[in-house]
């Protein structure tokens, strides 16, 4: 690793997005400097939940066993009108397709504390609180960052890369002069965070009350905590809404009073729907709220930021290690901006359902939605796929091209360990195949994959695998970087049958059958790079990954590969 700068990566902003990115980079052995203008952690919640895909990504930081300390699974999400009729009803599974609950309500300050403890335990990390970034200068091979401390003193440091995770008012975005697309959809809402004195059950966990008299949101926010949000009506002022007596008056119909609850905070906020048009300028990149803002109704704000950095971290790692051309980072914008645009537009669509204060318009909305309500509850949509970027574009022999999908997660038994794949096998690139990998790919291709820190696994049914009970997989499985796998040759990895993984839940073998393939190549962010049928196509699949890492970034395509 080069040491021609003060640090490898400067991360500006130390919320959940900056924290996750810093951990993902530090776990891969990079020097990370975190600059946060707040002198102390922010101890009030902002986001209240994350989905199953995001839980899987957060677990990749090493805090998976602690997630239950600050989360509770949500059982459902209902949208109802003023009369209590369901306009939309979604049931969440306790264990979803990615190995985690479909929806996890959370206490954000505890999440941030767990991330901070994990980051502090990693080598090469420098966390500087009370340091506000006031200048950026990209000199081609390095970026100079200027900060001011609480004492007014000015400091400077150099980095190979800078990532702005510094929120809606991002200095980094403004310094880059990046244009922003704004959909112009914006409303003011009163936020009331409450700690309950006694445990209470709210069924379903999350509700949107589409009442024109006062559109209202009720959501869980981790153990013992809930949030109510009330839309500001025409003629009301933010100052009026923010008075504690106003909050208690609005909470009273829900049997939330000073006798049974503590009001942690009342604040008005204005949600927005916008995204930065460029997420990379030279050696400076944007992520999280610095790159996009969306209405809260789909619960995808923080989730989108975590997806950003999960996409970015492994690409930065490969570029910094010289295993990929730096232009591979252009695929970050190609992939994530399109996904975010779709999330923002979906959130706006939902916002237009609830943010209706005219009774006549609300009646028309109710009639139209009630006519379309299906019998029973629906289930969440799968995690959004990628439609362009660093994906395999050939689909010879594959009936349902899975490139871009988020691969599901099931339990496996692998080398004496039993548990979810990410824990039992490890994180990073993964090549899953029903073929003999050494025969299908040859030693040279396997050695290339080992150099990426990839896990190459032959899938077998439980009846065809070794039947020893093994040990439960813990949280210390490799993220694919610095794991030691890159030091093996292709032949070394397959010297014995213990390299086989028993697909205990049939998740992976079923997935391959659905797409008509025998080999699946998965990226470190769990998106499928591509699938192949047969040994020859598997070799082409790996060759295509190697070719694309030289810098070719492809435009979005249709889901049919056209």
Protein backbone atom coordinates (compact mmCIF):
# COMPACT_ATOMS: atom_id res chain seq x y z
CA UNK A 1 0.00 0.00 0.00
CA UNK A 2 1.24 3.44 -0.89
CA UNK A 3 2.08 5.83 1.92
CA UNK A 4 2.50 9.08 -0.05
CA UNK A 5 -0.40 10.83 1.72
CA UNK A 6 -1.31 11.49 5.34
CA UNK A 7 -4.16 9.01 5.05
CA UNK A 8 -5.70 6.82 2.38
CA UNK A 9 -9.33 7.93 2.63
CA UNK A 10 -10.92 10.91 4.33
CA UNK A 11 -14.56 10.32 5.24
CA UNK A 12 -16.39 13.58 5.92
CA UNK A 13 -19.32 12.99 8.27
CA UNK A 14 -19.74 10.42 11.03
CA UNK A 15 -23.37 9.38 10.87
CA UNK A 16 -24.34 5.78 10.08
CA UNK A 17 -23.32 6.12 6.43
CA UNK A 18 -19.88 7.55 7.20
CA UNK A 19 -19.43 5.04 10.00
CA UNK A 20 -20.24 2.02 7.83
CA UNK A 21 -17.98 3.22 5.02
CA UNK A 22 -15.10 3.82 7.42
CA UNK A 23 -15.42 0.32 8.87
CA UNK A 24 -15.64 -1.35 5.47
CA UNK A 25 -12.44 0.40 4.39
CA UNK A 26 -10.57 -0.12 7.65
CA UNK A 27 -11.46 -3.83 7.62
CA UNK A 28 -9.70 -4.01 4.27
CA UNK A 29 -6.54 -2.53 5.76
CA UNK A 30 -6.80 1.11 4.65
CA UNK A 31 -5.92 4.14 6.71
CA UNK A 32 -9.12 6.09 7.30
CA UNK A 33 -9.51 9.57 8.76
CA UNK A 34 -13.02 10.58 9.81
CA UNK A 35 -13.80 14.29 10.05
CA UNK A 36 -16.96 15.22 11.97
CA UNK A 37 -17.88 18.78 12.82
CA UNK A 38 -19.95 17.75 15.89
CA UNK A 39 -17.79 17.57 18.98
CA UNK A 40 -19.95 14.81 20.49
CA UNK A 41 -22.23 12.09 19.14
CA UNK A 42 -25.78 13.16 18.31
CA UNK A 43 -27.93 11.34 20.87
CA UNK A 44 -31.38 11.67 19.28
CA UNK A 45 -32.78 9.37 16.58
CA UNK A 46 -33.29 10.46 13.00
CA UNK A 47 -33.92 7.31 10.98
CA UNK A 48 -36.17 4.71 12.63
CA UNK A 49 -35.81 1.51 10.59
CA UNK A 50 -33.90 -0.43 7.97
CA UNK A 51 -34.82 -3.32 5.71
CA UNK A 52 -33.46 -6.85 5.52
CA UNK A 53 -30.91 -6.08 2.81
CA UNK A 54 -29.55 -3.19 4.89
CA UNK A 55 -29.38 -5.40 7.99
CA UNK A 56 -27.19 -7.77 5.99
CA UNK A 57 -24.95 -4.90 4.90
CA UNK A 58 -24.67 -3.56 8.46
CA UNK A 59 -23.80 -7.05 9.70
CA UNK A 60 -20.86 -6.90 7.30
CA UNK A 61 -19.26 -4.33 9.60
CA UNK A 62 -18.88 -6.97 12.30
CA UNK A 63 -21.72 -5.82 14.57
CA UNK A 64 -24.22 -8.44 13.40
CA UNK A 65 -24.50 -10.13 16.82
CA UNK A 66 -25.34 -6.75 18.40
CA UNK A 67 -28.11 -5.72 16.00
CA UNK A 68 -30.75 -7.25 18.28
CA UNK A 69 -29.69 -4.88 21.08
CA UNK A 70 -31.11 -1.83 19.32
CA UNK A 71 -33.68 -3.25 16.91
CA UNK A 72 -37.03 -5.01 16.96
CA UNK A 73 -38.57 -6.71 13.92
CA UNK A 74 -41.58 -4.88 12.51
CA UNK A 75 -44.61 -7.05 11.76
CA UNK A 76 -46.33 -4.83 9.23
CA UNK A 77 -46.91 -1.48 7.58
CA UNK A 78 -50.49 -0.28 7.07
CA UNK A 79 -51.82 2.72 5.23
CA UNK A 80 -55.36 3.56 6.30
CA UNK A 81 -57.86 6.33 5.73
CA UNK A 82 -59.64 8.42 8.36
CA UNK A 83 -62.29 5.69 8.76
CA UNK A 84 -59.63 3.06 9.47
CA UNK A 85 -60.04 1.26 6.14
CA UNK A 86 -56.82 -0.26 4.82
CA UNK A 87 -55.55 1.40 1.66
CA UNK A 88 -52.33 -0.61 1.67
CA UNK A 89 -51.27 -3.44 3.97
CA UNK A 90 -47.81 -5.06 3.98
CA UNK A 91 -46.77 -7.99 6.16
CA UNK A 92 -43.11 -8.34 7.11
CA UNK A 93 -41.47 -11.72 7.68
CA UNK A 94 -39.39 -12.38 10.79
CA UNK A 95 -36.72 -13.87 8.51
CA UNK A 96 -36.73 -12.52 4.98
CA UNK A 97 -34.86 -13.58 1.84
CA UNK A 98 -31.58 -12.00 2.96
CA UNK A 99 -31.36 -13.87 6.28
CA UNK A 100 -32.66 -10.96 8.39
CA UNK A 101 -36.13 -9.61 9.23
CA UNK A 102 -37.82 -7.83 6.33
CA UNK A 103 -38.06 -4.68 8.48
CA UNK A 104 -36.05 -3.74 11.57
CA UNK A 105 -37.14 -0.83 13.75
CA UNK A 106 -34.14 0.71 15.45
CA UNK A 107 -32.77 3.18 17.95
CA UNK A 108 -30.29 5.11 15.80
CA UNK A 109 -28.06 6.49 18.59
CA UNK A 110 -27.33 2.93 19.73
CA UNK A 111 -26.59 1.85 16.16
CA UNK A 112 -24.11 4.70 15.86
CA UNK A 113 -22.52 3.81 19.22
CA UNK A 114 -22.02 0.18 18.13
CA UNK A 115 -20.51 1.29 14.82
CA UNK A 116 -18.23 3.74 16.64
CA UNK A 117 -17.02 1.03 19.03
CA UNK A 118 -16.29 -1.28 16.11
CA UNK A 119 -14.43 1.40 14.17
CA UNK A 120 -12.35 2.41 17.18
CA UNK A 121 -11.16 -1.18 17.54
CA UNK A 122 -9.73 -1.29 14.01
CA UNK A 123 -6.15 -0.26 13.18
CA UNK A 124 -5.29 2.71 10.99
CA UNK A 125 -8.32 4.79 11.99
CA UNK A 126 -8.17 8.44 13.06
CA UNK A 127 -11.48 9.94 14.25
CA UNK A 128 -11.42 13.72 14.55
CA UNK A 129 -14.51 15.22 16.15
CA UNK A 130 -15.02 18.96 16.18
CA UNK A 131 -13.21 19.31 12.85
CA UNK A 132 -15.22 21.14 10.18
CA UNK A 133 -14.08 20.82 6.58
CA UNK A 134 -13.66 24.24 4.96
CA UNK A 135 -11.58 23.46 1.88
CA UNK A 136 -10.95 20.77 -0.73
CA UNK A 137 -8.30 20.77 -3.44
CA UNK A 138 -7.93 17.81 -5.80
CA UNK A 139 -4.35 17.71 -7.08
CA UNK A 140 -4.77 14.66 -9.30
CA UNK A 141 -2.93 12.06 -7.26
CA UNK A 142 -4.06 13.35 -3.90
CA UNK A 143 -6.69 15.56 -2.32
CA UNK A 144 -5.82 18.27 0.20
CA UNK A 145 -8.45 18.77 2.90
CA UNK A 146 -8.52 21.89 5.08
CA UNK A 147 -10.40 21.96 8.38
CA UNK A 148 -11.00 24.27 11.32
CA UNK A 149 -11.20 22.99 14.87
CA UNK A 150 -13.29 24.15 17.80
CA UNK A 151 -10.44 26.48 18.78
CA UNK A 152 -10.51 28.13 15.36
CA UNK A 153 -7.16 26.68 14.34
CA UNK A 154 -6.75 25.57 10.74
CA UNK A 155 -5.42 22.13 9.84
CA UNK A 156 -4.59 20.40 6.57
CA UNK A 157 -4.14 16.79 5.54
CA UNK A 158 -3.82 14.88 2.30
CA UNK A 159 -5.67 11.76 1.20
CA UNK A 160 -5.84 9.55 -1.86
CA UNK A 161 -9.63 9.75 -1.82
CA UNK A 162 -12.30 11.82 -0.07
CA UNK A 163 -15.91 10.74 0.43
CA UNK A 164 -18.52 13.27 1.51
CA UNK A 165 -21.04 11.63 3.86
CA UNK A 166 -21.80 15.00 5.42
CA UNK A 167 -25.56 15.14 5.07
CA UNK A 168 -28.17 17.31 3.42
CA UNK A 169 -26.13 20.50 3.80
CA UNK A 170 -23.00 18.83 2.50
CA UNK A 171 -19.96 21.08 2.27
CA UNK A 172 -18.33 18.52 0.00
CA UNK A 173 -21.17 18.63 -2.51
CA UNK A 174 -21.20 22.42 -2.49
CA UNK A 175 -17.42 22.58 -2.89
CA UNK A 176 -17.64 20.32 -5.93
CA UNK A 177 -20.26 22.57 -7.51
CA UNK A 178 -22.36 19.54 -8.42
CA UNK A 179 -25.81 20.36 -9.84
CA UNK A 180 -28.85 18.89 -8.10
CA UNK A 181 -32.13 17.62 -9.55
CA UNK A 182 -35.03 18.63 -7.28
CA UNK A 183 -38.52 17.21 -7.83
CA UNK A 184 -40.02 20.07 -5.84
CA UNK A 185 -42.08 17.82 -3.54
CA UNK A 186 -41.77 19.15 0.00
CA UNK A 187 -43.89 19.36 3.17
CA UNK A 188 -43.26 20.28 6.82
CA UNK A 189 -43.92 17.67 9.50
CA UNK A 190 -43.73 17.71 13.30
CA UNK A 191 -41.58 14.89 14.65
CA UNK A 192 -42.24 13.59 18.17
CA UNK A 193 -39.85 11.00 19.59
CA UNK A 194 -41.26 9.20 22.61
CA UNK A 195 -39.85 6.78 25.18
CA UNK A 196 -42.60 4.63 26.68
CA UNK A 197 -42.64 4.02 30.44
CA UNK A 198 -44.06 0.51 30.05
CA UNK A 199 -43.92 -1.98 27.16
CA UNK A 200 -46.85 -1.64 24.78
CA UNK A 201 -47.86 -3.56 21.70
CA UNK A 202 -48.78 -1.65 18.56
CA UNK A 203 -50.22 -3.78 15.75
CA UNK A 204 -49.10 -3.36 13.08
CA UNK A 205 -45.81 -1.80 14.08
CA UNK A 206 -46.01 1.03 11.55
CA UNK A 207 -49.06 2.94 10.35
CA UNK A 208 -49.76 5.85 8.02
CA UNK A 209 -53.07 7.54 8.80
CA UNK A 210 -54.20 9.23 5.58
CA UNK A 211 -56.62 11.59 7.31
CA UNK A 212 -57.04 14.97 5.60
CA UNK A 213 -57.75 16.50 9.02
CA UNK A 214 -54.17 15.66 9.98
CA UNK A 215 -52.00 13.19 8.03
CA UNK A 216 -50.13 11.23 10.70
CA UNK A 217 -47.33 8.67 10.87
CA UNK A 218 -46.85 6.13 13.70
CA UNK A 219 -43.66 4.05 13.63
CA UNK A 220 -41.62 1.98 16.04
CA UNK A 221 -38.07 3.18 16.59
CA UNK A 222 -36.37 0.39 18.48
CA UNK A 223 -36.95 -1.18 21.89
CA UNK A 224 -39.06 1.07 24.12
CA UNK A 225 -39.20 3.91 21.60
CA UNK A 226 -41.77 5.15 19.12
CA UNK A 227 -42.20 8.11 16.82
CA UNK A 228 -45.28 10.06 15.83
CA UNK A 229 -45.16 12.54 12.97
CA UNK A 230 -47.88 15.08 12.19
CA UNK A 231 -48.11 17.07 8.98
CA UNK A 232 -48.22 20.84 9.32
CA UNK A 233 -51.58 22.08 8.07
CA UNK A 234 -52.20 25.28 6.10
CA UNK A 235 -52.22 28.26 8.45
CA UNK A 236 -50.05 26.63 11.13
CA UNK A 237 -46.53 27.77 11.92
CA UNK A 238 -43.57 25.60 12.80
CA UNK A 239 -43.09 27.53 16.03
CA UNK A 240 -46.65 26.72 17.07
CA UNK A 241 -46.21 23.03 16.30
CA UNK A 242 -42.94 22.69 18.17
CA UNK A 243 -44.37 23.69 21.56
CA UNK A 244 -44.44 20.68 23.93
CA UNK A 245 -48.08 21.31 24.75
CA UNK A 246 -48.94 20.98 21.05
CA UNK A 247 -47.13 17.63 20.88
CA UNK A 248 -48.94 16.27 23.92
CA UNK A 249 -52.30 17.42 22.51
CA UNK A 250 -51.64 15.57 19.27
CA UNK A 251 -50.37 12.47 21.08
CA UNK A 252 -53.28 12.23 23.51
CA UNK A 253 -55.66 10.37 21.11
CA UNK A 254 -53.09 7.57 21.01
CA UNK A 255 -53.05 7.28 24.82
CA UNK A 256 -49.59 8.78 25.00
CA UNK A 257 -49.40 11.22 27.91
CA UNK A 258 -46.83 12.59 30.37
CA UNK A 259 -48.04 9.89 32.77
CA UNK A 260 -46.91 6.99 30.57
CA UNK A 261 -44.27 8.41 28.27
CA UNK A 262 -41.32 10.79 28.03
CA UNK A 263 -41.24 13.23 25.13
CA UNK A 264 -37.61 13.09 24.00
CA UNK A 265 -37.90 15.65 21.24
CA UNK A 266 -40.28 17.77 19.20
CA UNK A 267 -38.98 19.28 15.99
CA UNK A 268 -40.30 20.20 12.60
CA UNK A 269 -38.49 19.02 9.52
CA UNK A 270 -38.96 19.56 5.82
CA UNK A 271 -38.56 16.50 3.64
CA UNK A 272 -37.23 16.92 0.14
CA UNK A 273 -36.92 14.86 -3.05
CA UNK A 274 -33.64 15.51 -4.83
CA UNK A 275 -30.37 13.97 -5.94
CA UNK A 276 -26.94 15.16 -7.02
CA UNK A 277 -26.36 14.74 -10.73
CA UNK A 278 -22.71 13.69 -10.25
CA UNK A 279 -21.46 11.51 -7.41
CA UNK A 280 -17.80 11.50 -8.36
CA UNK A 281 -15.57 14.40 -9.32
CA UNK A 282 -11.98 13.21 -9.66
CA UNK A 283 -10.90 11.76 -6.34
CA UNK A 284 -13.87 13.10 -4.39
CA UNK A 285 -17.16 11.21 -4.08
CA UNK A 286 -20.57 11.69 -2.44
CA UNK A 287 -22.72 9.24 -0.48
CA UNK A 288 -25.86 9.23 1.65
CA UNK A 289 -27.78 12.46 2.21
CA UNK A 290 -24.94 14.41 0.60
CA UNK A 291 -25.93 12.68 -2.66
CA UNK A 292 -29.70 12.33 -2.26
CA UNK A 293 -32.71 13.19 -0.10
CA UNK A 294 -36.11 11.55 -0.19
CA UNK A 295 -39.46 11.64 1.62
CA UNK A 296 -39.58 9.14 4.51
CA UNK A 297 -42.64 7.14 3.50
CA UNK A 298 -40.80 4.17 1.99
CA UNK A 299 -38.24 4.09 4.82
CA UNK A 300 -35.35 4.12 2.36
CA UNK A 301 -33.31 7.21 3.29
CA UNK A 302 -30.65 5.63 5.50
CA UNK A 303 -30.97 2.30 3.67
CA UNK A 304 -30.02 4.05 0.43
CA UNK A 305 -26.99 5.62 2.09
CA UNK A 306 -25.81 2.25 3.42
CA UNK A 307 -26.25 0.77 -0.07
CA UNK A 308 -24.15 3.64 -1.44
CA UNK A 309 -21.14 2.88 0.71
CA UNK A 310 -21.49 -0.90 0.38
CA UNK A 311 -21.25 -0.35 -3.38
CA UNK A 312 -18.39 2.11 -3.08
CA UNK A 313 -16.11 0.49 -0.48
CA UNK A 314 -15.05 -2.58 -2.47
CA UNK A 315 -14.50 -0.54 -5.62
CA UNK A 316 -12.30 1.92 -3.75
CA UNK A 317 -10.42 -1.05 -2.32
CA UNK A 318 -9.78 -2.63 -5.73
CA UNK A 319 -8.76 0.69 -7.27
CA UNK A 320 -6.45 1.53 -4.37
CA UNK A 321 -4.82 -1.93 -4.51
CA UNK A 322 -4.26 -1.65 -8.23
CA UNK A 323 -6.61 -4.56 -8.98
CA UNK A 324 -8.94 -2.31 -10.96
CA UNK A 325 -8.57 0.85 -12.96
CA UNK A 326 -9.77 3.95 -11.09
CA UNK A 327 -12.46 4.37 -13.72
CA UNK A 328 -14.26 1.44 -12.08
CA UNK A 329 -15.48 4.08 -9.61
CA UNK A 330 -17.59 5.60 -12.39
CA UNK A 331 -19.81 2.53 -12.12
CA UNK A 332 -20.72 3.72 -8.61
CA UNK A 333 -22.71 6.65 -9.99
CA UNK A 334 -24.12 4.60 -12.86
CA UNK A 335 -25.44 1.96 -10.48
CA UNK A 336 -26.49 3.88 -7.42
CA UNK A 337 -27.96 7.07 -8.89
CA UNK A 338 -30.49 5.16 -10.99
CA UNK A 339 -31.53 3.08 -7.98
CA UNK A 340 -31.85 6.18 -5.84
CA UNK A 341 -33.88 8.04 -8.45
CA UNK A 342 -36.35 5.15 -8.48
CA UNK A 343 -36.52 5.13 -4.66
CA UNK A 344 -37.10 8.87 -4.54
CA UNK A 345 -39.85 8.74 -7.14
CA UNK A 346 -41.51 5.85 -5.27
CA UNK A 347 -41.30 7.82 -2.02
CA UNK A 348 -42.85 10.86 -3.70
CA UNK A 349 -45.65 8.68 -5.04
CA UNK A 350 -46.37 7.44 -1.53
CA UNK A 351 -46.11 10.99 -0.21
CA UNK A 352 -48.79 12.10 -2.63
CA UNK A 353 -51.07 9.49 -1.07
CA UNK A 354 -50.72 10.69 2.51
CA UNK A 355 -50.01 14.42 2.18
CA UNK A 356 -53.59 15.32 1.27
CA UNK A 357 -55.39 17.87 3.45
CA UNK A 358 -58.36 18.57 1.16
CA UNK A 359 -61.36 16.38 2.16
CA UNK A 360 -62.70 16.11 -1.38
CA UNK A 361 -59.35 15.06 -2.81
CA UNK A 362 -58.92 12.59 0.06
CA UNK A 363 -62.33 11.03 -0.67
CA UNK A 364 -61.40 10.56 -4.33
CA UNK A 365 -58.08 9.01 -3.29
CA UNK A 366 -59.80 6.63 -0.88
CA UNK A 367 -62.31 5.47 -3.46
CA UNK A 368 -59.62 4.83 -6.06
CA UNK A 369 -57.33 2.95 -3.66
CA UNK A 370 -60.08 0.91 -2.00
CA UNK A 371 -61.16 -0.30 -5.44
CA UNK A 372 -57.65 -1.68 -5.96
CA UNK A 373 -56.98 -3.13 -2.50
CA UNK A 374 -56.16 -6.86 -2.86
CA UNK A 375 -57.67 -9.42 -0.55
CA UNK A 376 -55.26 -9.97 2.32
CA UNK A 377 -51.89 -8.39 2.92
CA UNK A 378 -49.05 -8.07 0.44
CA UNK A 379 -45.36 -8.72 1.02
CA UNK A 380 -42.41 -6.37 0.50
CA UNK A 381 -40.85 -5.99 -2.89
CA UNK A 382 -37.42 -7.63 -3.25
CA UNK A 383 -34.35 -5.45 -2.93
CA UNK A 384 -33.95 -3.26 -6.00
CA UNK A 385 -31.71 -4.76 -8.70
CA UNK A 386 -29.03 -2.95 -10.62
CA UNK A 387 -29.78 -2.30 -14.29
CA UNK A 388 -26.34 -1.20 -15.48
CA UNK A 389 -22.74 -0.78 -14.47
CA UNK A 390 -20.36 -3.54 -13.50
CA UNK A 391 -22.49 -6.51 -14.61
CA UNK A 392 -22.08 -9.50 -16.93
CA UNK A 393 -23.79 -8.75 -20.23
CA UNK A 394 -23.79 -12.23 -21.79
CA UNK A 395 -26.48 -14.73 -20.89
CA UNK A 396 -25.74 -17.78 -23.03
CA UNK A 397 -27.82 -20.69 -21.76
CA UNK A 398 -29.30 -18.75 -18.85
CA UNK A 399 -33.10 -18.53 -18.97
CA UNK A 400 -33.64 -15.76 -16.41
CA UNK A 401 -30.60 -13.46 -16.33
CA UNK A 402 -30.04 -12.63 -12.65
CA UNK A 403 -27.28 -10.05 -13.21
CA UNK A 404 -27.99 -7.12 -10.90
CA UNK A 405 -30.21 -9.00 -8.44
CA UNK A 406 -29.39 -9.06 -4.74
CA UNK A 407 -28.61 -12.71 -4.09
CA UNK A 408 -30.70 -14.27 -1.30
CA UNK A 409 -29.02 -15.73 1.76
CA UNK A 410 -29.54 -19.13 3.31
CA UNK A 411 -27.81 -21.40 5.77
CA UNK A 412 -24.88 -23.54 4.68
CA UNK A 413 -22.50 -26.02 6.22
CA UNK A 414 -18.96 -25.22 5.14
CA UNK A 415 -15.62 -26.46 6.48
CA UNK A 416 -17.10 -27.39 9.86
CA UNK A 417 -19.14 -24.21 10.25
CA UNK A 418 -22.91 -24.00 10.05
CA UNK A 419 -24.83 -20.75 9.68
CA UNK A 420 -25.87 -18.06 7.26
CA UNK A 421 -23.61 -17.99 4.19
CA UNK A 422 -22.04 -14.60 5.00
CA UNK A 423 -20.89 -15.84 8.39
CA UNK A 424 -20.06 -19.46 7.59
CA UNK A 425 -18.21 -18.81 4.32
CA UNK A 426 -17.30 -15.13 4.45
CA UNK A 427 -17.91 -11.86 2.65
CA UNK A 428 -16.44 -10.43 -0.50
CA UNK A 429 -16.64 -11.81 -4.02
CA UNK A 430 -18.21 -15.26 -4.12
CA UNK A 431 -18.33 -17.75 -6.96
CA UNK A 432 -20.98 -20.40 -6.31
CA UNK A 433 -21.08 -23.36 -8.62
CA UNK A 434 -22.33 -26.92 -8.97
CA UNK A 435 -19.29 -27.68 -11.13
CA UNK A 436 -15.83 -28.72 -9.95
CA UNK A 437 -14.28 -25.21 -9.81
CA UNK A 438 -10.77 -26.33 -10.67
CA UNK A 439 -11.96 -28.27 -13.72
CA UNK A 440 -14.39 -25.56 -14.86
CA UNK A 441 -12.15 -22.54 -14.40
CA UNK A 442 -8.57 -23.77 -14.33
CA UNK A 443 -5.93 -22.77 -11.84
CA UNK A 444 -5.11 -19.40 -13.41
CA UNK A 445 -8.69 -18.09 -13.15
CA UNK A 446 -9.04 -19.42 -9.63
CA UNK A 447 -5.82 -17.67 -8.64
CA UNK A 448 -7.24 -14.43 -10.10
CA UNK A 449 -10.34 -14.83 -7.95
CA UNK A 450 -8.22 -15.58 -4.89
CA UNK A 451 -6.37 -12.33 -5.57
CA UNK A 452 -9.70 -10.51 -5.23
CA UNK A 453 -10.24 -12.22 -1.88
CA UNK A 454 -13.06 -14.25 -3.43
CA UNK A 455 -14.68 -17.31 -1.89
CA UNK A 456 -15.04 -20.07 -4.49
CA UNK A 457 -17.56 -22.63 -3.32
CA UNK A 458 -19.03 -25.76 -4.84
CA UNK A 459 -22.66 -26.15 -3.79
CA UNK A 460 -24.02 -29.54 -2.85
CA UNK A 461 -27.30 -30.72 -1.37
CA UNK A 462 -27.22 -31.57 2.36
CA UNK A 463 -27.55 -35.28 1.58
CA UNK A 464 -24.40 -35.12 -0.55
CA UNK A 465 -22.28 -33.31 2.04
CA UNK A 466 -20.31 -34.34 5.08
CA UNK A 467 -22.80 -34.80 7.93
CA UNK A 468 -20.74 -33.62 10.89
CA UNK A 469 -22.54 -31.10 13.07
CA UNK A 470 -19.70 -28.60 12.94
CA UNK A 471 -19.66 -25.36 14.90
CA UNK A 472 -22.08 -22.48 14.71
CA UNK A 473 -20.70 -19.69 12.56
CA UNK A 474 -19.85 -16.59 14.52
CA UNK A 475 -19.56 -12.98 13.42
CA UNK A 476 -15.87 -13.03 12.62
CA UNK A 477 -16.05 -14.32 9.07
CA UNK A 478 -13.92 -12.47 6.58
CA UNK A 479 -15.29 -9.65 4.48
CA UNK A 480 -13.16 -10.91 1.64
CA UNK A 481 -10.26 -8.49 2.13
CA UNK A 482 -7.05 -9.49 3.82
CA UNK A 483 -8.59 -12.87 4.61
CA UNK A 484 -5.66 -14.96 3.50
CA UNK A 485 -7.66 -16.43 0.62
CA UNK A 486 -5.72 -14.25 -1.78
CA UNK A 487 -2.49 -16.05 -0.84
CA UNK A 488 -3.78 -19.46 -1.97
CA UNK A 489 -3.41 -20.80 -5.46
CA UNK A 490 -6.43 -22.25 -7.18
CA UNK A 491 -5.32 -25.80 -6.50
CA UNK A 492 -4.65 -25.14 -2.80
CA UNK A 493 -8.27 -24.15 -2.21
CA UNK A 494 -9.68 -27.41 -3.51
CA UNK A 495 -7.38 -30.03 -2.03
CA UNK A 496 -10.25 -31.71 -0.16
CA UNK A 497 -14.01 -32.08 -0.24
CA UNK A 498 -14.47 -29.72 2.71
CA UNK A 499 -14.45 -26.85 0.21
CA UNK A 500 -18.00 -27.95 -0.68
CA UNK A 501 -20.88 -26.02 0.91
CA UNK A 502 -24.05 -27.88 1.83
CA UNK A 503 -27.01 -25.71 0.84
CA UNK A 504 -29.08 -26.50 3.94
CA UNK A 505 -32.15 -24.46 2.95
CA UNK A 506 -31.90 -25.06 -0.78
CA UNK A 507 -31.65 -21.31 -1.37
CA UNK A 508 -28.73 -21.30 -3.78
CA UNK A 509 -29.46 -24.48 -5.71
CA UNK A 510 -33.06 -23.31 -6.22
CA UNK A 511 -31.83 -19.91 -7.38
CA UNK A 512 -29.53 -21.53 -9.94
CA UNK A 513 -32.33 -23.78 -11.16
CA UNK A 514 -34.64 -20.79 -11.65
CA UNK A 515 -32.10 -19.02 -13.87
CA UNK A 516 -31.03 -22.20 -15.62
CA UNK A 517 -27.40 -21.77 -14.59
CA UNK A 518 -24.68 -23.79 -12.90
CA UNK A 519 -22.45 -20.93 -11.71
CA UNK A 520 -23.18 -17.65 -9.99
CA UNK A 521 -20.64 -14.86 -9.47
CA UNK A 522 -21.62 -12.48 -6.65
CA UNK A 523 -20.07 -9.08 -5.87
CA UNK A 524 -19.06 -7.96 -2.35
CA UNK A 525 -22.26 -5.86 -2.12
CA UNK A 526 -24.29 -9.07 -2.71
CA UNK A 527 -25.43 -8.05 -6.18
CA UNK A 528 -25.10 -10.83 -8.73
CA UNK A 529 -22.41 -10.01 -11.29
CA UNK A 530 -23.72 -12.74 -13.56
CA UNK A 531 -24.64 -16.38 -14.07
CA UNK A 532 -23.37 -19.04 -16.44
CA UNK A 533 -24.36 -22.49 -17.63
CA UNK A 534 -21.57 -25.02 -18.06
CA UNK A 535 -17.82 -24.84 -17.65
CA UNK A 536 -17.05 -22.85 -20.79
CA UNK A 537 -19.52 -20.10 -19.93
CA UNK A 538 -18.28 -20.05 -16.31
CA UNK A 539 -14.78 -19.35 -17.60
CA UNK A 540 -16.15 -16.54 -19.77
CA UNK A 541 -17.99 -15.12 -16.77
CA UNK A 542 -14.76 -14.81 -14.78
CA UNK A 543 -12.87 -13.45 -17.78
CA UNK A 544 -15.54 -10.78 -18.24
CA UNK A 545 -15.18 -9.63 -14.63
CA UNK A 546 -11.43 -9.32 -15.09
CA UNK A 547 -11.90 -7.35 -18.34
CA UNK A 548 -14.42 -4.97 -16.77
CA UNK A 549 -12.14 -4.24 -13.86
CA UNK A 550 -9.81 -2.59 -16.36
CA UNK A 551 -12.29 0.27 -16.48
CA UNK A 552 -15.18 -0.46 -18.83
CA UNK A 553 -18.42 0.91 -17.35
CA UNK A 554 -21.56 -0.03 -19.19
CA UNK A 555 -24.80 1.88 -19.64
CA UNK A 556 -28.05 0.67 -18.07
CA UNK A 557 -29.79 -2.16 -19.86
CA UNK A 558 -33.24 -3.67 -19.67
CA UNK A 559 -33.89 -6.63 -17.37
CA UNK A 560 -33.92 -8.80 -20.51
CA UNK A 561 -30.36 -7.84 -21.29
CA UNK A 562 -31.38 -5.84 -24.36
